[in-house]
Amino acid sequence: MARPRIIETPEEAWEIGQGYFGKMRAEERPLTVTGLALALGLSGRQSLIEYEGRPEFSDTIKALRPNANNTLRSGYSAQMRLVPYSR
């Protein structure tokens, strides 16, 4: 018996992801792939990669990930703090 999906639709993933990005930018906090995964209710980066492997979620996750990766490339990672995300 398979576990139920945490995220039901690509549209739900997109909305939650955009909410995460908006919240982090408003608080001037870095965007991270792990933070995105946790905002989506996943256990971490690897779970996000697994969702990206599902055909129905592939395009959505691929569209969300660069937003998180670009922050780290810009040098913002020195200011990273671990703070739980709440919806």
PDB file of N, CA and C in Angstrom:
ATOM      1  N   MET A   1       0.841  -1.183   0.000  1.00  0.00           N
ATOM      2  CA  MET A   1       0.000   0.000   0.000  1.00  0.00           C
ATOM      3  C   MET A   1       0.887   1.247   0.000  1.00  0.00           C
ATOM      4  N   ALA A   2       0.692   2.093  -0.951  1.00  0.00           N
ATOM      5  CA  ALA A   2       1.507   3.308  -1.082  1.00  0.00           C
ATOM      6  C   ALA A   2       1.035   4.391  -0.117  1.00  0.00           C
ATOM      7  N   ARG A   3       1.997   5.222   0.313  1.00  0.00           N
ATOM      8  CA  ARG A   3       1.649   6.352   1.177  1.00  0.00           C
ATOM      9  C   ARG A   3       0.894   7.397   0.373  1.00  0.00           C
ATOM     10  N   PRO A   4      -0.040   8.092   0.986  1.00  0.00           N
ATOM     11  CA  PRO A   4      -0.747   9.161   0.253  1.00  0.00           C
ATOM     12  C   PRO A   4       0.211  10.310  -0.044  1.00  0.00           C
ATOM     13  N   ARG A   5      -0.025  10.971  -1.130  1.00  0.00           N
ATOM     14  CA  ARG A   5       0.804  12.109  -1.514  1.00  0.00           C
ATOM     15  C   ARG A   5       0.575  13.284  -0.583  1.00  0.00           C
ATOM     16  N   ILE A   6       1.656  13.976  -0.283  1.00  0.00           N
ATOM     17  CA  ILE A   6       1.572  15.170   0.550  1.00  0.00           C
ATOM     18  C   ILE A   6       1.011  16.320  -0.282  1.00  0.00           C
ATOM     19  N   ILE A   7       1.477  16.424  -1.507  1.00  0.00           N
ATOM     20  CA  ILE A   7       1.023  17.463  -2.433  1.00  0.00           C
ATOM     21  C   ILE A   7       0.160  16.768  -3.475  1.00  0.00           C
ATOM     22  N   GLU A   8      -1.074  17.191  -3.589  1.00  0.00           N
ATOM     23  CA  GLU A   8      -2.015  16.508  -4.480  1.00  0.00           C
ATOM     24  C   GLU A   8      -1.860  16.888  -5.953  1.00  0.00           C
ATOM     25  N   THR A   9      -1.588  18.171  -6.224  1.00  0.00           N
ATOM     26  CA  THR A   9      -1.547  18.620  -7.617  1.00  0.00           C
ATOM     27  C   THR A   9      -0.350  19.532  -7.855  1.00  0.00           C
ATOM     28  N   PRO A  10       0.101  19.653  -9.102  1.00  0.00           N
ATOM     29  CA  PRO A  10       1.164  20.601  -9.426  1.00  0.00           C
ATOM     30  C   PRO A  10       0.762  22.042  -9.105  1.00  0.00           C
ATOM     31  N   GLU A  11      -0.503  22.357  -9.267  1.00  0.00           N
ATOM     32  CA  GLU A  11      -0.985  23.706  -8.968  1.00  0.00           C
ATOM     33  C   GLU A  11      -0.830  24.017  -7.473  1.00  0.00           C
ATOM     34  N   GLU A  12      -1.115  23.031  -6.635  1.00  0.00           N
ATOM     35  CA  GLU A  12      -0.940  23.200  -5.192  1.00  0.00           C
ATOM     36  C   GLU A  12       0.537  23.434  -4.863  1.00  0.00           C
ATOM     37  N   ALA A  13       1.427  22.670  -5.486  1.00  0.00           N
ATOM     38  CA  ALA A  13       2.868  22.842  -5.273  1.00  0.00           C
ATOM     39  C   ALA A  13       3.297  24.243  -5.688  1.00  0.00           C
ATOM     40  N   TRP A  14       2.790  24.714  -6.824  1.00  0.00           N
ATOM     41  CA  TRP A  14       3.154  26.048  -7.320  1.00  0.00           C
ATOM     42  C   TRP A  14       2.718  27.130  -6.337  1.00  0.00           C
ATOM     43  N   GLU A  15       1.483  27.053  -5.873  1.00  0.00           N
ATOM     44  CA  GLU A  15       0.959  28.063  -4.941  1.00  0.00           C
ATOM     45  C   GLU A  15       1.749  28.076  -3.633  1.00  0.00           C
ATOM     46  N   ILE A  16       2.023  26.913  -3.089  1.00  0.00           N
ATOM     47  CA  ILE A  16       2.790  26.842  -1.840  1.00  0.00           C
ATOM     48  C   ILE A  16       4.207  27.372  -2.061  1.00  0.00           C
ATOM     49  N   GLY A  17       4.815  26.988  -3.183  1.00  0.00           N
ATOM     50  CA  GLY A  17       6.164  27.462  -3.500  1.00  0.00           C
ATOM     51  C   GLY A  17       6.215  28.975  -3.631  1.00  0.00           C
ATOM     52  N   GLN A  18       5.248  29.547  -4.323  1.00  0.00           N
ATOM     53  CA  GLN A  18       5.217  30.997  -4.478  1.00  0.00           C
ATOM     54  C   GLN A  18       4.996  31.689  -3.128  1.00  0.00           C
ATOM     55  N   GLY A  19       4.182  31.079  -2.267  1.00  0.00           N
ATOM     56  CA  GLY A  19       3.975  31.614  -0.931  1.00  0.00           C
ATOM     57  C   GLY A  19       5.266  31.602  -0.120  1.00  0.00           C
ATOM     58  N   TYR A  20       6.022  30.511  -0.236  1.00  0.00           N
ATOM     59  CA  TYR A  20       7.326  30.410   0.444  1.00  0.00           C
ATOM     60  C   TYR A  20       8.266  31.512  -0.042  1.00  0.00           C
ATOM     61  N   PHE A  21       8.372  31.675  -1.359  1.00  0.00           N
ATOM     62  CA  PHE A  21       9.277  32.693  -1.903  1.00  0.00           C
ATOM     63  C   PHE A  21       8.878  34.091  -1.448  1.00  0.00           C
ATOM     64  N   GLY A  22       7.580  34.393  -1.494  1.00  0.00           N
ATOM     65  CA  GLY A  22       7.106  35.706  -1.064  1.00  0.00           C
ATOM     66  C   GLY A  22       7.407  35.980   0.394  1.00  0.00           C
ATOM     67  N   LYS A  23       7.173  34.984   1.238  1.00  0.00           N
ATOM     68  CA  LYS A  23       7.424  35.138   2.675  1.00  0.00           C
ATOM     69  C   LYS A  23       8.909  35.346   2.955  1.00  0.00           C
ATOM     70  N   MET A  24       9.754  34.557   2.333  1.00  0.00           N
ATOM     71  CA  MET A  24      11.197  34.674   2.574  1.00  0.00           C
ATOM     72  C   MET A  24      11.740  36.018   2.065  1.00  0.00           C
ATOM     73  N   ARG A  25      11.268  36.445   0.902  1.00  0.00           N
ATOM     74  CA  ARG A  25      11.725  37.741   0.364  1.00  0.00           C
ATOM     75  C   ARG A  25      11.264  38.891   1.251  1.00  0.00           C
ATOM     76  N   ALA A  26      10.026  38.824   1.741  1.00  0.00           N
ATOM     77  CA  ALA A  26       9.505  39.883   2.611  1.00  0.00           C
ATOM     78  C   ALA A  26      10.309  39.979   3.903  1.00  0.00           C
ATOM     79  N   GLU A  27      10.793  38.847   4.377  1.00  0.00           N
ATOM     80  CA  GLU A  27      11.587  38.820   5.611  1.00  0.00           C
ATOM     81  C   GLU A  27      13.085  38.940   5.332  1.00  0.00           C
ATOM     82  N   GLU A  28      13.423  39.145   4.060  1.00  0.00           N
ATOM     83  CA  GLU A  28      14.820  39.261   3.618  1.00  0.00           C
ATOM     84  C   GLU A  28      15.652  38.076   4.075  1.00  0.00           C
ATOM     85  N   ARG A  29      15.068  36.897   3.925  1.00  0.00           N
ATOM     86  CA  ARG A  29      15.751  35.656   4.258  1.00  0.00           C
ATOM     87  C   ARG A  29      16.075  34.913   2.979  1.00  0.00           C
ATOM     88  N   PRO A  30      17.108  34.078   2.993  1.00  0.00           N
ATOM     89  CA  PRO A  30      17.507  33.368   1.778  1.00  0.00           C
ATOM     90  C   PRO A  30      16.497  32.303   1.374  1.00  0.00           C
ATOM     91  N   LEU A  31      16.400  32.107   0.083  1.00  0.00           N
ATOM     92  CA  LEU A  31      15.575  31.045  -0.474  1.00  0.00           C
ATOM     93  C   LEU A  31      16.473  29.831  -0.658  1.00  0.00           C
ATOM     94  N   THR A  32      16.043  28.683  -0.182  1.00  0.00           N
ATOM     95  CA  THR A  32      16.841  27.471  -0.338  1.00  0.00           C
ATOM     96  C   THR A  32      15.979  26.342  -0.861  1.00  0.00           C
ATOM     97  N   VAL A  33      16.617  25.378  -1.491  1.00  0.00           N
ATOM     98  CA  VAL A  33      15.891  24.212  -1.988  1.00  0.00           C
ATOM     99  C   VAL A  33      15.324  23.429  -0.814  1.00  0.00           C
ATOM    100  N   THR A  34      16.097  23.289   0.253  1.00  0.00           N
ATOM    101  CA  THR A  34      15.599  22.581   1.430  1.00  0.00           C
ATOM    102  C   THR A  34      14.423  23.335   2.049  1.00  0.00           C
ATOM    103  N   GLY A  35      14.507  24.654   2.105  1.00  0.00           N
ATOM    104  CA  GLY A  35      13.398  25.453   2.625  1.00  0.00           C
ATOM    105  C   GLY A  35      12.150  25.283   1.786  1.00  0.00           C
ATOM    106  N   LEU A  36      12.327  25.244   0.469  1.00  0.00           N
ATOM    107  CA  LEU A  36      11.201  25.012  -0.431  1.00  0.00           C
ATOM    108  C   LEU A  36      10.580  23.652  -0.142  1.00  0.00           C
ATOM    109  N   ALA A  37      11.419  22.627  -0.010  1.00  0.00           N
ATOM    110  CA  ALA A  37      10.914  21.283   0.269  1.00  0.00           C
ATOM    111  C   ALA A  37      10.117  21.258   1.573  1.00  0.00           C
ATOM    112  N   LEU A  38      10.657  21.886   2.611  1.00  0.00           N
ATOM    113  CA  LEU A  38       9.960  21.907   3.896  1.00  0.00           C
ATOM    114  C   LEU A  38       8.649  22.686   3.815  1.00  0.00           C
ATOM    115  N   ALA A  39       8.636  23.779   3.055  1.00  0.00           N
ATOM    116  CA  ALA A  39       7.400  24.553   2.873  1.00  0.00           C
ATOM    117  C   ALA A  39       6.322  23.709   2.193  1.00  0.00           C
ATOM    118  N   LEU A  40       6.757  22.826   1.305  1.00  0.00           N
ATOM    119  CA  LEU A  40       5.820  21.955   0.600  1.00  0.00           C
ATOM    120  C   LEU A  40       5.344  20.784   1.468  1.00  0.00           C
ATOM    121  N   GLY A  41       5.893  20.694   2.685  1.00  0.00           N
ATOM    122  CA  GLY A  41       5.488  19.620   3.582  1.00  0.00           C
ATOM    123  C   GLY A  41       6.295  18.348   3.399  1.00  0.00           C
ATOM    124  N   LEU A  42       7.377  18.435   2.641  1.00  0.00           N
ATOM    125  CA  LEU A  42       8.222  17.275   2.399  1.00  0.00           C
ATOM    126  C   LEU A  42       9.292  17.192   3.479  1.00  0.00           C
ATOM    127  N   SER A  43       9.975  16.063   3.549  1.00  0.00           N
ATOM    128  CA  SER A  43      10.964  15.874   4.605  1.00  0.00           C
ATOM    129  C   SER A  43      12.306  16.528   4.302  1.00  0.00           C
ATOM    130  N   GLY A  44      12.536  16.910   3.069  1.00  0.00           N
ATOM    131  CA  GLY A  44      13.793  17.562   2.731  1.00  0.00           C
ATOM    132  C   GLY A  44      14.063  17.562   1.244  1.00  0.00           C
ATOM    133  N   ARG A  45      15.294  17.901   0.914  1.00  0.00           N
ATOM    134  CA  ARG A  45      15.732  18.061  -0.470  1.00  0.00           C
ATOM    135  C   ARG A  45      15.484  16.792  -1.304  1.00  0.00           C
ATOM    136  N   GLN A  46      15.812  15.628  -0.747  1.00  0.00           N
ATOM    137  CA  GLN A  46      15.663  14.379  -1.495  1.00  0.00           C
ATOM    138  C   GLN A  46      14.205  14.115  -1.863  1.00  0.00           C
ATOM    139  N   SER A  47      13.290  14.417  -0.976  1.00  0.00           N
ATOM    140  CA  SER A  47      11.866  14.240  -1.280  1.00  0.00           C
ATOM    141  C   SER A  47      11.436  15.152  -2.429  1.00  0.00           C
ATOM    142  N   LEU A  48      11.985  16.366  -2.459  1.00  0.00           N
ATOM    143  CA  LEU A  48      11.670  17.287  -3.549  1.00  0.00           C
ATOM    144  C   LEU A  48      12.173  16.719  -4.877  1.00  0.00           C
ATOM    145  N   ILE A  49      13.371  16.153  -4.852  1.00  0.00           N
ATOM    146  CA  ILE A  49      13.935  15.532  -6.058  1.00  0.00           C
ATOM    147  C   ILE A  49      13.045  14.374  -6.511  1.00  0.00           C
ATOM    148  N   GLU A  50      12.539  13.603  -5.558  1.00  0.00           N
ATOM    149  CA  GLU A  50      11.647  12.490  -5.905  1.00  0.00           C
ATOM    150  C   GLU A  50      10.346  12.998  -6.530  1.00  0.00           C
ATOM    151  N   TYR A  51       9.787  14.085  -6.001  1.00  0.00           N
ATOM    152  CA  TYR A  51       8.584  14.671  -6.609  1.00  0.00           C
ATOM    153  C   TYR A  51       8.888  15.169  -8.024  1.00  0.00           C
ATOM    154  N   GLU A  52      10.071  15.724  -8.213  1.00  0.00           N
ATOM    155  CA  GLU A  52      10.455  16.200  -9.551  1.00  0.00           C
ATOM    156  C   GLU A  52      10.501  15.049 -10.549  1.00  0.00           C
ATOM    157  N   GLY A  53      10.748  13.836 -10.067  1.00  0.00           N
ATOM    158  CA  GLY A  53      10.784  12.665 -10.937  1.00  0.00           C
ATOM    159  C   GLY A  53       9.416  12.169 -11.363  1.00  0.00           C
ATOM    160  N   ARG A  54       8.370  12.657 -10.725  1.00  0.00           N
ATOM    161  CA  ARG A  54       7.011  12.271 -11.112  1.00  0.00           C
ATOM    162  C   ARG A  54       6.576  13.127 -12.302  1.00  0.00           C
ATOM    163  N   PRO A  55       6.154  12.497 -13.383  1.00  0.00           N
ATOM    164  CA  PRO A  55       5.836  13.257 -14.597  1.00  0.00           C
ATOM    165  C   PRO A  55       4.878  14.429 -14.384  1.00  0.00           C
ATOM    166  N   GLU A  56       3.860  14.260 -13.550  1.00  0.00           N
ATOM    167  CA  GLU A  56       2.884  15.332 -13.372  1.00  0.00           C
ATOM    168  C   GLU A  56       3.445  16.516 -12.581  1.00  0.00           C
ATOM    169  N   PHE A  57       4.512  16.309 -11.808  1.00  0.00           N
ATOM    170  CA  PHE A  57       5.103  17.382 -11.003  1.00  0.00           C
ATOM    171  C   PHE A  57       6.422  17.912 -11.583  1.00  0.00           C
ATOM    172  N   SER A  58       6.966  17.232 -12.557  1.00  0.00           N
ATOM    173  CA  SER A  58       8.293  17.549 -13.072  1.00  0.00           C
ATOM    174  C   SER A  58       8.450  19.010 -13.492  1.00  0.00           C
ATOM    175  N   ASP A  59       7.576  19.499 -14.338  1.00  0.00           N
ATOM    176  CA  ASP A  59       7.694  20.878 -14.830  1.00  0.00           C
ATOM    177  C   ASP A  59       7.544  21.905 -13.708  1.00  0.00           C
ATOM    178  N   THR A  60       6.636  21.658 -12.793  1.00  0.00           N
ATOM    179  CA  THR A  60       6.396  22.602 -11.691  1.00  0.00           C
ATOM    180  C   THR A  60       7.607  22.683 -10.769  1.00  0.00           C
ATOM    181  N   ILE A  61       8.142  21.542 -10.365  1.00  0.00           N
ATOM    182  CA  ILE A  61       9.294  21.540  -9.465  1.00  0.00           C
ATOM    183  C   ILE A  61      10.513  22.132 -10.172  1.00  0.00           C
ATOM    184  N   LYS A  62      10.690  21.810 -11.433  1.00  0.00           N
ATOM    185  CA  LYS A  62      11.808  22.385 -12.193  1.00  0.00           C
ATOM    186  C   LYS A  62      11.684  23.899 -12.296  1.00  0.00           C
ATOM    187  N   ALA A  63      10.468  24.417 -12.354  1.00  0.00           N
ATOM    188  CA  ALA A  63      10.259  25.866 -12.421  1.00  0.00           C
ATOM    189  C   ALA A  63      10.505  26.530 -11.069  1.00  0.00           C
ATOM    190  N   LEU A  64      10.214  25.832  -9.974  1.00  0.00           N
ATOM    191  CA  LEU A  64      10.396  26.401  -8.633  1.00  0.00           C
ATOM    192  C   LEU A  64      11.846  26.354  -8.163  1.00  0.00           C
ATOM    193  N   ARG A  65      12.559  25.311  -8.465  1.00  0.00           N
ATOM    194  CA  ARG A  65      13.916  25.118  -7.920  1.00  0.00           C
ATOM    195  C   ARG A  65      14.906  26.231  -8.238  1.00  0.00           C
ATOM    196  N   PRO A  66      14.963  26.764  -9.462  1.00  0.00           N
ATOM    197  CA  PRO A  66      15.967  27.810  -9.733  1.00  0.00           C
ATOM    198  C   PRO A  66      15.818  29.039  -8.842  1.00  0.00           C
ATOM    199  N   ASN A  67      14.601  29.369  -8.436  1.00  0.00           N
ATOM    200  CA  ASN A  67      14.410  30.512  -7.539  1.00  0.00           C
ATOM    201  C   ASN A  67      15.187  30.328  -6.248  1.00  0.00           C
ATOM    202  N   ALA A  68      15.148  29.120  -5.708  1.00  0.00           N
ATOM    203  CA  ALA A  68      15.869  28.831  -4.467  1.00  0.00           C
ATOM    204  C   ALA A  68      17.370  28.759  -4.719  1.00  0.00           C
ATOM    205  N   ASN A  69      17.774  28.153  -5.817  1.00  0.00           N
ATOM    206  CA  ASN A  69      19.200  28.018  -6.115  1.00  0.00           C
ATOM    207  C   ASN A  69      19.870  29.359  -6.389  1.00  0.00           C
ATOM    208  N   ASN A  70      19.181  30.281  -7.034  1.00  0.00           N
ATOM    209  CA  ASN A  70      19.785  31.569  -7.403  1.00  0.00           C
ATOM    210  C   ASN A  70      20.190  32.382  -6.190  1.00  0.00           C
ATOM    211  N   THR A  71      19.461  32.299  -5.102  1.00  0.00           N
ATOM    212  CA  THR A  71      19.803  33.039  -3.896  1.00  0.00           C
ATOM    213  C   THR A  71      21.152  32.592  -3.362  1.00  0.00           C
ATOM    214  N   LEU A  72      21.368  31.293  -3.341  1.00  0.00           N
ATOM    215  CA  LEU A  72      22.636  30.787  -2.820  1.00  0.00           C
ATOM    216  C   LEU A  72      23.797  31.171  -3.719  1.00  0.00           C
ATOM    217  N   ARG A  73      23.596  31.174  -5.019  1.00  0.00           N
ATOM    218  CA  ARG A  73      24.661  31.559  -5.942  1.00  0.00           C
ATOM    219  C   ARG A  73      25.016  33.037  -5.820  1.00  0.00           C
ATOM    220  N   SER A  74      24.073  33.857  -5.370  1.00  0.00           N
ATOM    221  CA  SER A  74      24.331  35.292  -5.285  1.00  0.00           C
ATOM    222  C   SER A  74      25.127  35.671  -4.038  1.00  0.00           C
ATOM    223  N   GLY A  75      25.477  34.690  -3.195  1.00  0.00           N
ATOM    224  CA  GLY A  75      26.292  34.967  -2.027  1.00  0.00           C
ATOM    225  C   GLY A  75      25.502  35.229  -0.770  1.00  0.00           C
ATOM    226  N   TYR A  76      24.209  35.059  -0.808  1.00  0.00           N
ATOM    227  CA  TYR A  76      23.350  35.329   0.330  1.00  0.00           C
ATOM    228  C   TYR A  76      23.472  34.237   1.391  1.00  0.00           C
ATOM    229  N   SER A  77      24.087  33.116   1.040  1.00  0.00           N
ATOM    230  CA  SER A  77      24.135  31.977   1.951  1.00  0.00           C
ATOM    231  C   SER A  77      24.870  32.278   3.252  1.00  0.00           C
ATOM    232  N   ALA A  78      25.738  33.271   3.270  1.00  0.00           N
ATOM    233  CA  ALA A  78      26.464  33.614   4.492  1.00  0.00           C
ATOM    234  C   ALA A  78      25.519  34.090   5.583  1.00  0.00           C
ATOM    235  N   GLN A  79      24.334  34.547   5.215  1.00  0.00           N
ATOM    236  CA  GLN A  79      23.381  35.072   6.177  1.00  0.00           C
ATOM    237  C   GLN A  79      22.283  34.073   6.537  1.00  0.00           C
ATOM    238  N   MET A  80      22.451  32.809   6.148  1.00  0.00           N
ATOM    239  CA  MET A  80      21.410  31.812   6.355  1.00  0.00           C
ATOM    240  C   MET A  80      21.147  31.562   7.830  1.00  0.00           C
ATOM    241  N   ARG A  81      19.869  31.460   8.157  1.00  0.00           N
ATOM    242  CA  ARG A  81      19.426  31.087   9.491  1.00  0.00           C
ATOM    243  C   ARG A  81      18.369  30.007   9.330  1.00  0.00           C
ATOM    244  N   LEU A  82      18.351  29.034  10.209  1.00  0.00           N
ATOM    245  CA  LEU A  82      17.323  28.011  10.158  1.00  0.00           C
ATOM    246  C   LEU A  82      16.129  28.470  10.984  1.00  0.00           C
ATOM    247  N   VAL A  83      15.057  28.777  10.277  1.00  0.00           N
ATOM    248  CA  VAL A  83      13.825  29.204  10.927  1.00  0.00           C
ATOM    249  C   VAL A  83      12.695  28.438  10.274  1.00  0.00           C
ATOM    250  N   PRO A  84      11.846  27.792  11.052  1.00  0.00           N
ATOM    251  CA  PRO A  84      10.766  27.016  10.452  1.00  0.00           C
ATOM    252  C   PRO A  84       9.823  27.899   9.629  1.00  0.00           C
ATOM    253  N   TYR A  85       9.362  27.352   8.531  1.00  0.00           N
ATOM    254  CA  TYR A  85       8.383  28.042   7.691  1.00  0.00           C
ATOM    255  C   TYR A  85       7.000  27.617   8.127  1.00  0.00           C
ATOM    256  N   SER A  86       6.109  28.572   8.243  1.00  0.00           N
ATOM    257  CA  SER A  86       4.720  28.220   8.557  1.00  0.00           C
ATOM    258  C   SER A  86       3.816  28.806   7.488  1.00  0.00           C
ATOM    259  N   ARG A  87       2.833  28.026   7.088  1.00  0.00           N
ATOM    260  CA  ARG A  87       1.906  28.462   6.033  1.00  0.00           C
ATOM    261  C   ARG A  87       0.926  29.450   6.577  1.00  0.00           C
TER     262      ARG A  87
END
